[in-house]
Amino acid sequence: MAERAVTASAGVVQRTMSAVGADRLLSSVWGYADSTLRWCWIPRLLPSWCPTSEDQLQTAEDMMLSCVDSTNSKQYVPISEGTRLWTLTFSRDCVKDRTPLVLLHGFGGGVGLWAQNLDSLSQQRPVWAVDLLGFGRSSRPRFSTDAREAEEQFVESIEQWRAKVGLESMILLGHNLGGYLAVSYSIKYPGRVKHIVLVEPWGFPERPDTAEADRPIPVWIKALGTMFSPFNPLASLRLVGPLGPTLVQTLRPDFKKKFSSMFSDNTVSEYIYHLNVQTPSGETAFKNMTTPEGCAVRPMLQRMEQLPPQIPLTIMYGSRSSIDSNPCSSIRDMRPHSHVEITTIRGAGHYVFADQPEDFNHTLLKVCSKVD
């Protein structure tokens, strides 16, 4: 609730300052400062200030995947302008001709977070797990500051990756931001997608009403909202430097619990840390695609009618998640002649695949069994 209050207050402050014209000056000053911190000062100091490196991220990922038994290959797939997408491939000879399942992680994630799912899912068909452009071990280029163009960069990187690895079609699964991009991709390239699976997708609802904008907000919340709204979501993790790993362990002990069947140490929190203190490329793109309230600048519900009706859609939520599942009803109403299946996994939060991996794997395999 406190996080929502701060986010809402930031929107109030921005609207108030815009009315008096002060937002332009503040935005320019903070924009310059944030750009300098992100692209000049912070990246150069990362090795000394933040205890991280690309090699340490690789080591952390290797540890995350150390419990995966299935044979797999790892490679950088070159796409365009010198950028590459880090890719894991699981393909057994007996299922290599079936439609592959492609996994797109969410904001701040990476391929290692699928560790509890890869063995099970790859028994019935090839599985490809990809680090999105700007995240994980993939290239971290500059994205456009325009929400539409940034989204397009993500979508085109997925299509270029698909063409490069030679997939004719796929079952496309996306969690969080990955779900948003899965639908955006499918709207533009419908012939390449046989089924869409959305897991706790971000970015679908319309921007909430601003009826509460006139509510009195404490001065200190207004100040914090104004101060931090121009910065990236995970900037604090980089700014605390060597305290970052401890911060992750303290603020997100749930990640350790989610993977307790695989690890008893801090393997998961170390992976999360190294994922998110590299150059904030995809993170910056996500911020530019997001409103102060945390919604998408371009809500996907406004475009669902553009998704061809012949593409089946499955949406999975966790029963304990705080993510709004109301858009599911809207999607179903928008697609009366399409297959829209909504599934809730009991006892799971936002990270459904990690909270209840066995139930998630079983449910997903059942969904995928309908595709050759």
Protein backbone atom coordinates (compact mmCIF):
# COMPACT_ATOMS: atom_id res chain seq x y z
CA MET A 1 0.00 0.00 0.00
CA ALA A 2 2.86 2.36 0.83
CA GLU A 3 4.41 1.75 -2.59
CA ARG A 4 1.12 2.59 -4.29
CA ALA A 5 0.77 5.74 -2.21
CA VAL A 6 4.23 6.96 -3.18
CA THR A 7 3.60 6.13 -6.84
CA ALA A 8 0.25 7.89 -6.81
CA SER A 9 1.73 10.89 -5.05
CA ALA A 10 4.41 11.16 -7.69
CA GLY A 11 1.65 11.45 -10.28
CA VAL A 12 -0.07 14.15 -8.21
CA VAL A 13 3.15 16.11 -7.91
CA GLN A 14 3.87 15.84 -11.61
CA ARG A 15 0.40 17.10 -12.54
CA THR A 16 0.65 20.00 -10.08
CA MET A 17 4.09 21.05 -11.28
CA SER A 18 2.99 20.75 -14.88
CA ALA A 19 0.19 23.21 -14.20
CA VAL A 20 2.63 25.86 -13.01
CA GLY A 21 5.27 25.09 -15.62
CA ALA A 22 7.91 24.02 -13.10
CA ASP A 23 8.01 20.44 -14.32
CA ARG A 24 10.02 21.33 -17.44
CA LEU A 25 12.96 22.72 -15.49
CA LEU A 26 12.97 19.92 -12.94
CA SER A 27 12.60 17.29 -15.64
CA SER A 28 15.53 18.74 -17.57
CA VAL A 29 17.79 18.86 -14.51
CA TRP A 30 16.93 15.37 -13.29
CA GLY A 31 16.92 13.98 -16.82
CA TYR A 32 20.47 15.19 -17.32
CA ALA A 33 21.54 13.87 -13.93
CA ASP A 34 19.92 10.49 -14.45
CA SER A 35 21.38 10.13 -17.95
CA THR A 36 24.83 11.02 -16.64
CA LEU A 37 24.57 8.56 -13.76
CA ARG A 38 23.27 5.75 -15.92
CA TRP A 39 25.48 6.00 -18.97
CA CYS A 40 28.65 7.71 -17.79
CA TRP A 41 29.46 7.66 -14.12
CA ILE A 42 27.73 4.53 -12.83
CA PRO A 43 28.80 2.07 -15.59
CA ARG A 44 32.43 3.16 -15.25
CA LEU A 45 32.41 2.75 -11.51
CA LEU A 46 30.47 -0.53 -11.45
CA PRO A 47 33.54 -2.79 -11.08
CA SER A 48 34.75 -0.85 -8.04
CA TRP A 49 31.52 0.52 -6.53
CA CYS A 50 29.15 -2.36 -7.27
CA PRO A 51 30.64 -5.81 -6.71
CA THR A 52 29.58 -7.12 -10.11
CA SER A 53 30.78 -7.88 -13.62
CA GLU A 54 29.60 -9.81 -16.65
CA ASP A 55 31.74 -12.75 -15.50
CA GLN A 56 30.06 -12.69 -12.10
CA LEU A 57 26.64 -12.65 -13.76
CA GLN A 58 27.66 -15.66 -15.83
CA THR A 59 28.86 -17.49 -12.71
CA ALA A 60 25.62 -16.67 -10.88
CA GLU A 61 23.58 -17.94 -13.82
CA ASP A 62 25.64 -21.13 -14.00
CA MET A 63 24.88 -21.72 -10.34
CA MET A 64 21.15 -21.18 -10.96
CA LEU A 65 21.19 -23.72 -13.77
CA SER A 66 23.43 -26.23 -12.00
CA CYS A 67 20.40 -28.27 -10.88
CA VAL A 68 18.99 -28.55 -14.40
CA ASP A 69 19.68 -32.10 -15.60
CA SER A 70 18.49 -31.97 -19.21
CA THR A 71 21.06 -31.61 -21.95
CA ASN A 72 21.07 -28.10 -23.33
CA SER A 73 23.08 -25.68 -25.40
CA LYS A 74 23.90 -22.05 -24.65
CA GLN A 75 24.69 -19.41 -27.21
CA TYR A 76 24.66 -15.75 -28.07
CA VAL A 77 22.38 -15.25 -31.07
CA PRO A 78 23.47 -12.21 -33.12
CA ILE A 79 20.55 -10.10 -34.30
CA SER A 80 21.23 -6.57 -35.58
CA GLU A 81 23.66 -3.70 -35.17
CA GLY A 82 26.06 -5.79 -33.12
CA THR A 83 23.46 -6.83 -30.53
CA ARG A 84 23.00 -10.40 -29.28
CA LEU A 85 20.38 -12.31 -27.32
CA TRP A 86 21.57 -14.88 -24.78
CA THR A 87 19.74 -18.15 -25.41
CA LEU A 88 19.30 -21.57 -23.81
CA THR A 89 18.05 -24.43 -26.00
CA PHE A 90 16.64 -27.76 -24.84
CA SER A 91 15.88 -30.17 -27.68
CA ARG A 92 15.68 -33.96 -27.33
CA ASP A 93 15.78 -36.00 -30.54
CA CYS A 94 12.42 -37.64 -29.83
CA VAL A 95 10.56 -34.30 -29.65
CA LYS A 96 12.64 -32.05 -31.90
CA ASP A 97 9.95 -31.89 -34.60
CA ARG A 98 7.25 -30.54 -32.28
CA THR A 99 6.38 -26.85 -32.06
CA PRO A 100 8.93 -25.26 -29.70
CA LEU A 101 8.03 -23.41 -26.52
CA VAL A 102 9.74 -20.02 -26.21
CA LEU A 103 10.04 -18.48 -22.73
CA LEU A 104 10.22 -14.70 -22.24
CA HIS A 105 11.03 -13.58 -18.70
CA GLY A 106 9.67 -10.49 -16.97
CA PHE A 107 11.13 -7.19 -15.83
CA GLY A 108 14.46 -7.64 -14.04
CA GLY A 109 14.54 -11.36 -14.82
CA GLY A 110 16.67 -13.77 -16.79
CA VAL A 111 16.80 -17.33 -18.10
CA GLY A 112 18.03 -18.67 -14.77
CA LEU A 113 14.67 -18.04 -13.12
CA TRP A 114 13.17 -20.91 -15.17
CA ALA A 115 15.47 -23.38 -13.38
CA GLN A 116 12.59 -25.31 -11.78
CA ASN A 117 10.70 -25.63 -15.05
CA LEU A 118 13.16 -26.45 -17.80
CA ASP A 119 13.58 -30.19 -17.12
CA SER A 120 9.86 -30.85 -17.04
CA LEU A 121 8.85 -28.63 -19.94
CA SER A 122 11.55 -29.95 -22.27
CA GLN A 123 10.34 -33.54 -22.01
CA GLN A 124 7.56 -33.01 -24.52
CA ARG A 125 8.91 -30.41 -26.95
CA PRO A 126 11.94 -28.19 -27.62
CA VAL A 127 12.26 -25.28 -25.21
CA TRP A 128 14.04 -22.01 -25.87
CA ALA A 129 14.66 -19.55 -23.03
CA VAL A 130 15.83 -16.08 -24.01
CA ASP A 131 17.20 -13.10 -22.11
CA LEU A 132 15.25 -10.15 -23.49
CA LEU A 133 17.17 -7.35 -25.17
CA GLY A 134 18.54 -5.06 -22.46
CA PHE A 135 18.27 -7.69 -19.72
CA GLY A 136 20.26 -10.62 -18.36
CA ARG A 137 23.29 -11.53 -20.44
CA SER A 138 21.87 -10.14 -23.68
CA SER A 139 23.20 -6.93 -25.21
CA ARG A 140 22.21 -3.74 -23.42
CA PRO A 141 21.82 -1.07 -26.12
CA ARG A 142 20.26 2.37 -25.84
CA PHE A 143 16.50 2.29 -26.33
CA SER A 144 14.33 5.06 -27.66
CA THR A 145 12.77 7.28 -24.99
CA ASP A 146 9.47 7.00 -26.87
CA ALA A 147 7.25 4.21 -25.48
CA ARG A 148 6.03 3.07 -28.90
CA GLU A 149 9.52 2.95 -30.37
CA ALA A 150 10.99 1.18 -27.34
CA GLU A 151 8.28 -1.48 -27.56
CA GLU A 152 9.04 -1.84 -31.25
CA GLN A 153 12.73 -2.40 -30.49
CA PHE A 154 11.83 -5.24 -28.14
CA VAL A 155 9.44 -6.81 -30.66
CA GLU A 156 11.86 -6.56 -33.57
CA SER A 157 14.65 -8.11 -31.51
CA ILE A 158 12.41 -11.14 -30.88
CA GLU A 159 11.57 -11.46 -34.57
CA GLN A 160 15.21 -11.11 -35.61
CA TRP A 161 16.12 -13.75 -33.04
CA ARG A 162 13.40 -16.11 -34.34
CA ALA A 163 14.59 -15.73 -37.91
CA LYS A 164 18.21 -16.27 -36.91
CA VAL A 165 17.58 -19.51 -35.01
CA GLY A 166 15.21 -20.72 -37.74
CA LEU A 167 11.92 -21.26 -35.89
CA GLU A 168 8.94 -21.33 -38.26
CA SER A 169 6.40 -21.07 -35.47
CA MET A 170 6.23 -21.31 -31.68
CA ILE A 171 4.22 -21.39 -28.51
CA LEU A 172 5.08 -18.01 -27.01
CA LEU A 173 5.04 -17.69 -23.22
CA GLY A 174 5.70 -14.44 -21.43
CA HIS A 175 5.80 -13.50 -17.75
CA ASN A 176 5.19 -9.92 -16.62
CA LEU A 177 6.81 -7.63 -19.24
CA GLY A 178 7.43 -10.74 -21.34
CA GLY A 179 3.66 -11.28 -21.55
CA TYR A 180 3.11 -7.75 -22.82
CA LEU A 181 5.77 -8.24 -25.48
CA ALA A 182 4.42 -11.69 -26.41
CA VAL A 183 1.07 -10.15 -27.40
CA SER A 184 2.69 -7.17 -29.11
CA TYR A 185 4.85 -9.58 -31.13
CA SER A 186 1.88 -11.79 -31.99
CA ILE A 187 -0.13 -8.81 -33.27
CA LYS A 188 2.66 -7.92 -35.68
CA TYR A 189 3.76 -11.46 -36.58
CA PRO A 190 0.65 -13.64 -36.08
CA GLY A 191 1.80 -16.31 -38.51
CA ARG A 192 4.68 -17.21 -36.22
CA VAL A 193 2.61 -17.94 -33.10
CA LYS A 194 0.48 -21.04 -32.53
CA HIS A 195 -0.49 -20.31 -28.93
CA ILE A 196 0.13 -17.47 -26.47
CA VAL A 197 0.57 -18.14 -22.76
CA LEU A 198 0.52 -15.10 -20.49
CA VAL A 199 1.79 -15.58 -16.94
CA GLU A 200 0.87 -12.71 -14.64
CA PRO A 201 1.15 -10.24 -17.55
CA TRP A 202 2.00 -6.59 -17.03
CA GLY A 203 0.69 -3.66 -19.04
CA PHE A 204 -2.86 -4.66 -19.95
CA PRO A 205 -5.20 -2.45 -17.84
CA GLU A 206 -6.07 1.09 -18.75
CA ARG A 207 -4.53 3.87 -16.72
CA PRO A 208 -6.57 4.28 -13.50
CA ASP A 209 -8.87 7.24 -12.97
CA THR A 210 -7.35 10.26 -11.31
CA ALA A 211 -10.35 10.94 -9.10
CA GLU A 212 -8.14 10.70 -6.02
CA ALA A 213 -5.75 13.34 -7.30
CA ASP A 214 -7.20 16.00 -5.00
CA ARG A 215 -6.66 13.98 -1.84
CA PRO A 216 -4.20 15.70 0.53
CA ILE A 217 -0.76 14.10 0.31
CA PRO A 218 1.86 14.50 3.06
CA VAL A 219 4.64 16.90 2.10
CA TRP A 220 7.37 14.31 2.67
CA ILE A 221 5.70 11.88 0.25
CA LYS A 222 5.41 14.64 -2.35
CA ALA A 223 9.09 15.43 -1.94
CA LEU A 224 10.13 11.79 -2.31
CA GLY A 225 7.85 11.31 -5.29
CA THR A 226 9.31 14.32 -7.07
CA MET A 227 12.88 13.37 -6.21
CA PHE A 228 12.82 9.76 -7.32
CA SER A 229 10.28 9.61 -10.14
CA PRO A 230 12.83 10.56 -12.86
CA PHE A 231 15.14 7.66 -11.88
CA ASN A 232 15.05 4.07 -13.05
CA PRO A 233 13.15 1.53 -10.91
CA LEU A 234 16.31 -0.25 -9.71
CA ALA A 235 18.65 2.75 -9.48
CA SER A 236 18.86 2.43 -5.70
CA LEU A 237 20.31 -1.06 -6.05
CA ARG A 238 23.24 0.38 -7.98
CA LEU A 239 23.62 3.50 -5.87
CA VAL A 240 24.13 1.56 -2.61
CA GLY A 241 27.14 -0.13 -4.20
CA PRO A 242 28.63 -2.93 -2.06
CA LEU A 243 25.50 -3.01 0.10
CA GLY A 244 23.47 -4.17 -2.90
CA PRO A 245 23.71 -7.95 -2.35
CA THR A 246 22.67 -7.54 1.29
CA LEU A 247 19.82 -5.26 0.21
CA VAL A 248 18.44 -7.92 -2.13
CA GLN A 249 18.67 -10.59 0.55
CA THR A 250 16.95 -8.33 3.08
CA LEU A 251 14.16 -6.92 0.91
CA ARG A 252 13.41 -10.07 -1.11
CA PRO A 253 13.96 -13.10 1.16
CA ASP A 254 11.03 -14.70 -0.69
CA PHE A 255 13.26 -15.48 -3.67
CA LYS A 256 15.37 -17.79 -1.53
CA LYS A 257 12.21 -19.54 -0.34
CA LYS A 258 10.89 -19.97 -3.89
CA PHE A 259 13.96 -22.01 -4.84
CA SER A 260 14.53 -23.69 -1.48
CA SER A 261 14.18 -27.15 -3.05
CA MET A 262 17.25 -26.41 -5.15
CA PHE A 263 19.42 -24.10 -3.05
CA SER A 264 19.97 -23.48 0.65
CA ASP A 265 22.40 -20.59 0.21
CA ASN A 266 22.13 -17.15 -1.43
CA THR A 267 22.43 -18.41 -5.01
CA VAL A 268 19.12 -16.88 -6.11
CA SER A 269 19.57 -13.47 -4.49
CA GLU A 270 23.08 -13.23 -5.94
CA TYR A 271 21.70 -13.98 -9.40
CA ILE A 272 18.95 -11.37 -8.97
CA TYR A 273 21.56 -8.85 -7.84
CA HIS A 274 23.95 -9.38 -10.75
CA LEU A 275 21.05 -9.32 -13.24
CA ASN A 276 20.01 -5.87 -12.13
CA VAL A 277 23.17 -3.87 -11.47
CA GLN A 278 24.53 -4.06 -15.00
CA THR A 279 23.97 -1.12 -17.37
CA PRO A 280 20.21 -0.39 -17.04
CA SER A 281 19.27 -0.68 -20.69
CA GLY A 282 16.03 -2.68 -20.69
CA GLU A 283 15.20 -1.18 -17.32
CA THR A 284 15.33 2.31 -18.82
CA ALA A 285 13.12 1.19 -21.72
CA PHE A 286 10.61 -0.25 -19.27
CA LYS A 287 10.53 3.01 -17.32
CA ASN A 288 9.83 4.94 -20.52
CA MET A 289 6.99 2.52 -21.32
CA THR A 290 5.44 2.98 -17.86
CA THR A 291 3.20 5.67 -16.38
CA PRO A 292 3.82 7.08 -12.88
CA GLU A 293 1.07 4.75 -11.65
CA GLY A 294 2.96 1.70 -12.94
CA CYS A 295 0.65 1.07 -15.90
CA ALA A 296 1.68 0.82 -19.53
CA VAL A 297 1.81 4.05 -21.50
CA ARG A 298 0.25 2.00 -24.29
CA PRO A 299 -2.15 -0.42 -22.53
CA MET A 300 -2.43 -3.73 -24.33
CA LEU A 301 -6.18 -3.98 -23.77
CA GLN A 302 -6.57 -1.17 -26.30
CA ARG A 303 -5.00 -3.40 -28.94
CA MET A 304 -6.32 -6.88 -28.15
CA GLU A 305 -8.83 -6.65 -31.00
CA GLN A 306 -5.86 -6.51 -33.38
CA LEU A 307 -4.78 -9.99 -32.30
CA PRO A 308 -6.12 -12.49 -34.87
CA PRO A 309 -8.95 -14.60 -33.42
CA GLN A 310 -7.39 -17.88 -34.54
CA ILE A 311 -4.52 -17.56 -32.04
CA PRO A 312 -5.46 -19.38 -28.79
CA LEU A 313 -4.71 -17.55 -25.57
CA THR A 314 -4.07 -18.93 -22.07
CA ILE A 315 -3.67 -16.63 -19.08
CA MET A 316 -2.21 -17.87 -15.80
CA TYR A 317 -2.39 -16.08 -12.47
CA GLY A 318 -1.30 -16.93 -8.94
CA SER A 319 -4.04 -17.01 -6.31
CA ARG A 320 -1.87 -14.98 -3.93
CA SER A 321 -0.75 -12.39 -6.46
CA SER A 322 -1.53 -8.69 -6.15
CA ILE A 323 -1.62 -8.30 -9.93
CA ASP A 324 -5.02 -7.19 -11.20
CA SER A 325 -6.64 -10.11 -13.03
CA ASN A 326 -9.73 -8.13 -14.08
CA PRO A 327 -8.40 -7.58 -17.62
CA CYS A 328 -8.98 -11.31 -18.21
CA SER A 329 -12.73 -10.75 -18.36
CA SER A 330 -12.24 -7.88 -20.77
CA ILE A 331 -10.01 -9.99 -23.00
CA ARG A 332 -12.58 -12.78 -23.04
CA ASP A 333 -15.33 -10.31 -23.99
CA MET A 334 -13.15 -8.89 -26.77
CA ARG A 335 -12.50 -12.35 -28.23
CA PRO A 336 -15.91 -14.09 -28.27
CA HIS A 337 -14.92 -16.36 -31.16
CA SER A 338 -11.45 -17.23 -29.84
CA HIS A 339 -10.08 -19.70 -27.34
CA VAL A 340 -9.35 -17.80 -24.12
CA GLU A 341 -8.50 -19.92 -21.10
CA ILE A 342 -7.92 -18.42 -17.67
CA THR A 343 -6.17 -20.51 -15.02
CA THR A 344 -5.34 -19.77 -11.40
CA ILE A 345 -2.52 -21.61 -9.64
CA ARG A 346 -3.29 -22.06 -5.96
CA GLY A 347 -0.75 -20.86 -3.44
CA ALA A 348 1.27 -18.96 -6.04
CA GLY A 349 2.17 -15.28 -6.10
CA HIS A 350 3.44 -13.21 -9.00
CA TYR A 351 6.27 -15.65 -9.79
CA VAL A 352 3.85 -18.51 -10.43
CA PHE A 353 6.46 -20.73 -12.08
CA ALA A 354 8.76 -20.48 -9.05
CA ASP A 355 6.15 -20.43 -6.26
CA GLN A 356 4.38 -23.60 -7.38
CA PRO A 357 6.63 -25.10 -10.06
CA GLU A 358 5.03 -28.56 -10.16
CA ASP A 359 1.50 -27.22 -10.60
CA PHE A 360 2.73 -24.65 -13.11
CA ASN A 361 4.62 -27.24 -15.16
CA HIS A 362 1.67 -29.66 -15.15
CA THR A 363 -0.78 -26.96 -16.20
CA LEU A 364 1.47 -25.62 -18.94
CA LEU A 365 2.20 -29.08 -20.35
CA LYS A 366 -1.53 -29.69 -20.53
CA VAL A 367 -2.01 -26.41 -22.42
CA CYS A 368 0.84 -27.17 -24.81
CA SER A 369 -0.41 -30.71 -25.48
CA LYS A 370 -3.08 -29.19 -27.74
CA VAL A 371 -0.35 -27.99 -30.10
CA ASP A 372 1.57 -30.41 -32.35
